[in-house]
C-alpha atoms as a PDB file:
ATOM      1  CA  MET A   1     108.591  70.044-149.856  1.00  0.00           C
ATOM      2  CA  ALA A   2     109.766  66.388-150.989  1.00  0.00           C
ATOM      3  CA  SER A   3     109.325  63.380-148.688  1.00  0.00           C
ATOM      4  CA  THR A   4     112.445  62.259-147.431  1.00  0.00           C
ATOM      5  CA  VAL A   5     112.917  58.669-146.108  1.00  0.00           C
ATOM      6  CA  LEU A   6     112.869  60.116-142.172  1.00  0.00           C
ATOM      7  CA  ALA A   7     110.007  61.968-142.440  1.00  0.00           C
ATOM      8  CA  VAL A   8     107.924  59.192-144.177  1.00  0.00           C
ATOM      9  CA  GLU A   9     109.140  56.738-141.506  1.00  0.00           C
ATOM     10  CA  LEU A  10     108.421  59.415-138.596  1.00  0.00           C
ATOM     11  CA  GLY A  11     104.828  59.459-140.183  1.00  0.00           C
ATOM     12  CA  ASP A  12     104.451  55.654-140.807  1.00  0.00           C
ATOM     13  CA  ARG A  13     105.121  55.417-136.665  1.00  0.00           C
ATOM     14  CA  ILE A  14     102.810  58.694-135.725  1.00  0.00           C
ATOM     15  CA  ARG A  15     100.103  56.906-137.664  1.00  0.00           C
ATOM     16  CA  GLN A  16     100.616  53.722-136.051  1.00  0.00           C
ATOM     17  CA  LEU A  17     100.890  54.655-132.544  1.00  0.00           C
ATOM     18  CA  ARG A  18      97.525  56.693-133.367  1.00  0.00           C
ATOM     19  CA  ALA A  19      95.637  53.699-134.792  1.00  0.00           C
ATOM     20  CA  GLN A  20      96.666  51.796-131.976  1.00  0.00           C
ATOM     21  CA  ARG A  21      94.845  54.167-129.669  1.00  0.00           C
ATOM     22  CA  GLY A  22      91.946  54.355-131.904  1.00  0.00           C
ATOM     23  CA  TRP A  23      92.187  57.936-131.985  1.00  0.00           C
ATOM     24  CA  SER A  24      91.609  60.426-135.064  1.00  0.00           C
ATOM     25  CA  GLN A  25      94.092  62.871-136.515  1.00  0.00           C
ATOM     26  CA  ARG A  26      91.806  65.641-135.036  1.00  0.00           C
ATOM     27  CA  GLU A  27      91.754  63.732-131.553  1.00  0.00           C
ATOM     28  CA  LEU A  28      95.694  63.855-131.744  1.00  0.00           C
ATOM     29  CA  ALA A  29      96.120  67.371-132.975  1.00  0.00           C
ATOM     30  CA  ARG A  30      94.080  68.448-130.052  1.00  0.00           C
ATOM     31  CA  ARG A  31      96.261  66.344-127.825  1.00  0.00           C
ATOM     32  CA  ILE A  32      99.481  68.051-129.027  1.00  0.00           C
ATOM     33  CA  GLY A  33      98.263  71.500-129.257  1.00  0.00           C
ATOM     34  CA  ALA A  34      98.205  71.224-133.008  1.00  0.00           C
ATOM     35  CA  ALA A  35      96.304  73.852-135.179  1.00  0.00           C
ATOM     36  CA  SER A  36      94.258  71.381-136.891  1.00  0.00           C
ATOM     37  CA  LYS A  37      93.885  68.137-138.126  1.00  0.00           C
ATOM     38  CA  SER A  38      95.403  68.673-141.460  1.00  0.00           C
ATOM     39  CA  VAL A  39      99.134  68.859-139.670  1.00  0.00           C
ATOM     40  CA  ILE A  40      98.771  65.262-138.378  1.00  0.00           C
ATOM     41  CA  SER A  41      98.105  64.191-142.182  1.00  0.00           C
ATOM     42  CA  TYR A  42     101.013  66.205-143.246  1.00  0.00           C
ATOM     43  CA  TYR A  43     103.384  64.205-140.803  1.00  0.00           C
ATOM     44  CA  GLU A  44     101.715  61.166-141.297  1.00  0.00           C
ATOM     45  CA  LEU A  45     102.468  61.359-145.135  1.00  0.00           C
ATOM     46  CA  GLY A  46     106.009  62.568-144.823  1.00  0.00           C
ATOM     47  CA  GLU A  47     104.957  65.818-146.271  1.00  0.00           C
ATOM     48  CA  ARG A  48     106.090  67.818-143.306  1.00  0.00           C
ATOM     49  CA  PHE A  49     108.830  67.547-140.253  1.00  0.00           C
ATOM     50  CA  PRO A  50     107.484  68.612-136.793  1.00  0.00           C
ATOM     51  CA  SER A  51     109.305  70.976-134.912  1.00  0.00           C
ATOM     52  CA  TYR A  52     111.565  69.943-132.113  1.00  0.00           C
ATOM     53  CA  GLU A  53     108.887  70.869-129.630  1.00  0.00           C
ATOM     54  CA  THR A  54     106.125  69.431-131.490  1.00  0.00           C
ATOM     55  CA  LEU A  55     107.977  66.061-132.095  1.00  0.00           C
ATOM     56  CA  VAL A  56     108.493  66.145-128.035  1.00  0.00           C
ATOM     57  CA  ARG A  57     104.806  66.705-127.666  1.00  0.00           C
ATOM     58  CA  ILE A  58     103.976  63.688-130.157  1.00  0.00           C
ATOM     59  CA  ALA A  59     106.837  61.596-128.011  1.00  0.00           C
ATOM     60  CA  ASP A  60     104.954  62.570-124.771  1.00  0.00           C
ATOM     61  CA  THR A  61     101.626  62.205-125.873  1.00  0.00           C
ATOM     62  CA  PHE A  62     102.146  58.612-127.154  1.00  0.00           C
ATOM     63  CA  ALA A  63     104.593  58.006-124.201  1.00  0.00           C
ATOM     64  CA  VAL A  64     107.709  56.888-126.099  1.00  0.00           C
ATOM     65  CA  THR A  65     110.794  58.524-127.022  1.00  0.00           C
ATOM     66  CA  THR A  66     111.783  60.713-129.771  1.00  0.00           C
ATOM     67  CA  ASP A  67     114.615  58.287-130.801  1.00  0.00           C
ATOM     68  CA  TYR A  68     111.536  55.908-131.552  1.00  0.00           C
ATOM     69  CA  LEU A  69     109.275  58.100-133.285  1.00  0.00           C
ATOM     70  CA  LEU A  70     112.528  59.171-135.221  1.00  0.00           C
ATOM     71  CA  ARG A  71     114.439  55.557-135.910  1.00  0.00           C
ATOM     72  CA  GLY A  72     112.086  53.124-134.645  1.00  0.00           C
ATOM     73  CA  LYS A  73     114.366  52.226-131.582  1.00  0.00           C
ATOM     74  CA  ASP A  74     111.921  50.932-129.284  1.00  0.00           C
ATOM     75  CA  ASN A  75     114.333  49.840-126.221  1.00  0.00           C
ATOM     76  CA  ASP A  76     113.512  52.761-124.034  1.00  0.00           C
ATOM     77  CA  ILE A  77     109.615  53.395-124.152  1.00  0.00           C
ATOM     78  CA  ARG A  78     108.148  54.730-121.208  1.00  0.00           C
ATOM     79  CA  ILE A  79     104.790  53.846-119.684  1.00  0.00           C
ATOM     80  CA  ARG A  80     102.702  56.808-118.566  1.00  0.00           C
ATOM     81  CA  PRO A  81      99.226  56.785-116.810  1.00  0.00           C
ATOM     82  CA  GLY A  82      96.637  56.746-119.643  1.00  0.00           C
ATOM     83  CA  SER A  83      99.231  55.651-122.217  1.00  0.00           C
ATOM     84  CA  LEU A  84      98.037  51.796-122.584  1.00  0.00           C
ATOM     85  CA  THR A  85      95.282  50.649-124.419  1.00  0.00           C
ATOM     86  CA  PRO A  86      92.746  48.942-122.659  1.00  0.00           C
ATOM     87  CA  GLU A  87      94.533  45.358-124.326  1.00  0.00           C
ATOM     88  CA  GLN A  88      97.802  46.384-123.067  1.00  0.00           C
ATOM     89  CA  VAL A  89      96.272  47.177-119.695  1.00  0.00           C
ATOM     90  CA  ASP A  90      94.664  43.770-119.422  1.00  0.00           C
ATOM     91  CA  ALA A  91      98.009  41.961-120.824  1.00  0.00           C
ATOM     92  CA  ILE A  92      99.676  43.749-117.862  1.00  0.00           C
ATOM     93  CA  LYS A  93      97.330  42.107-115.403  1.00  0.00           C
ATOM     94  CA  LEU A  94      97.625  38.854-116.563  1.00  0.00           C
ATOM     95  CA  ILE A  95     101.524  38.556-116.493  1.00  0.00           C
ATOM     96  CA  ILE A  96     101.462  40.123-113.120  1.00  0.00           C
ATOM     97  CA  ASP A  97      98.426  37.799-111.904  1.00  0.00           C
ATOM     98  CA  SER A  98     100.566  34.916-113.118  1.00  0.00           C
ATOM     99  CA  MET A  99     103.504  35.978-111.175  1.00  0.00           C
ATOM    100  CA  GLN A 100     102.193  36.261-108.005  1.00  0.00           C
ATOM    101  CA  VAL A 101     102.523  33.254-105.574  1.00  0.00           C
ATOM    102  CA  LYS A 102      99.163  31.706-104.356  1.00  0.00           C
END
């Protein structure tokens, strides 16, 4: 199957989100319930497009919207417990600390 621009861009976003968390393709496959890591490789290369159900599982796993995955629109990123990297948690703590009245 030939790669489409949408599939390649989706794959790039999946790869970036996975890398930000330090996960292997195998780890992401496990988290979304995929049969093997090779399916993640196909998605990331834009060679396959996930089903709607899988796209939703990927979005939920990364705590982003399907719109972000598909179009790169990040104005509605959801934050869920455990979805942030340690660096993101530290940054949020610094922001909160700086806002507190002392």
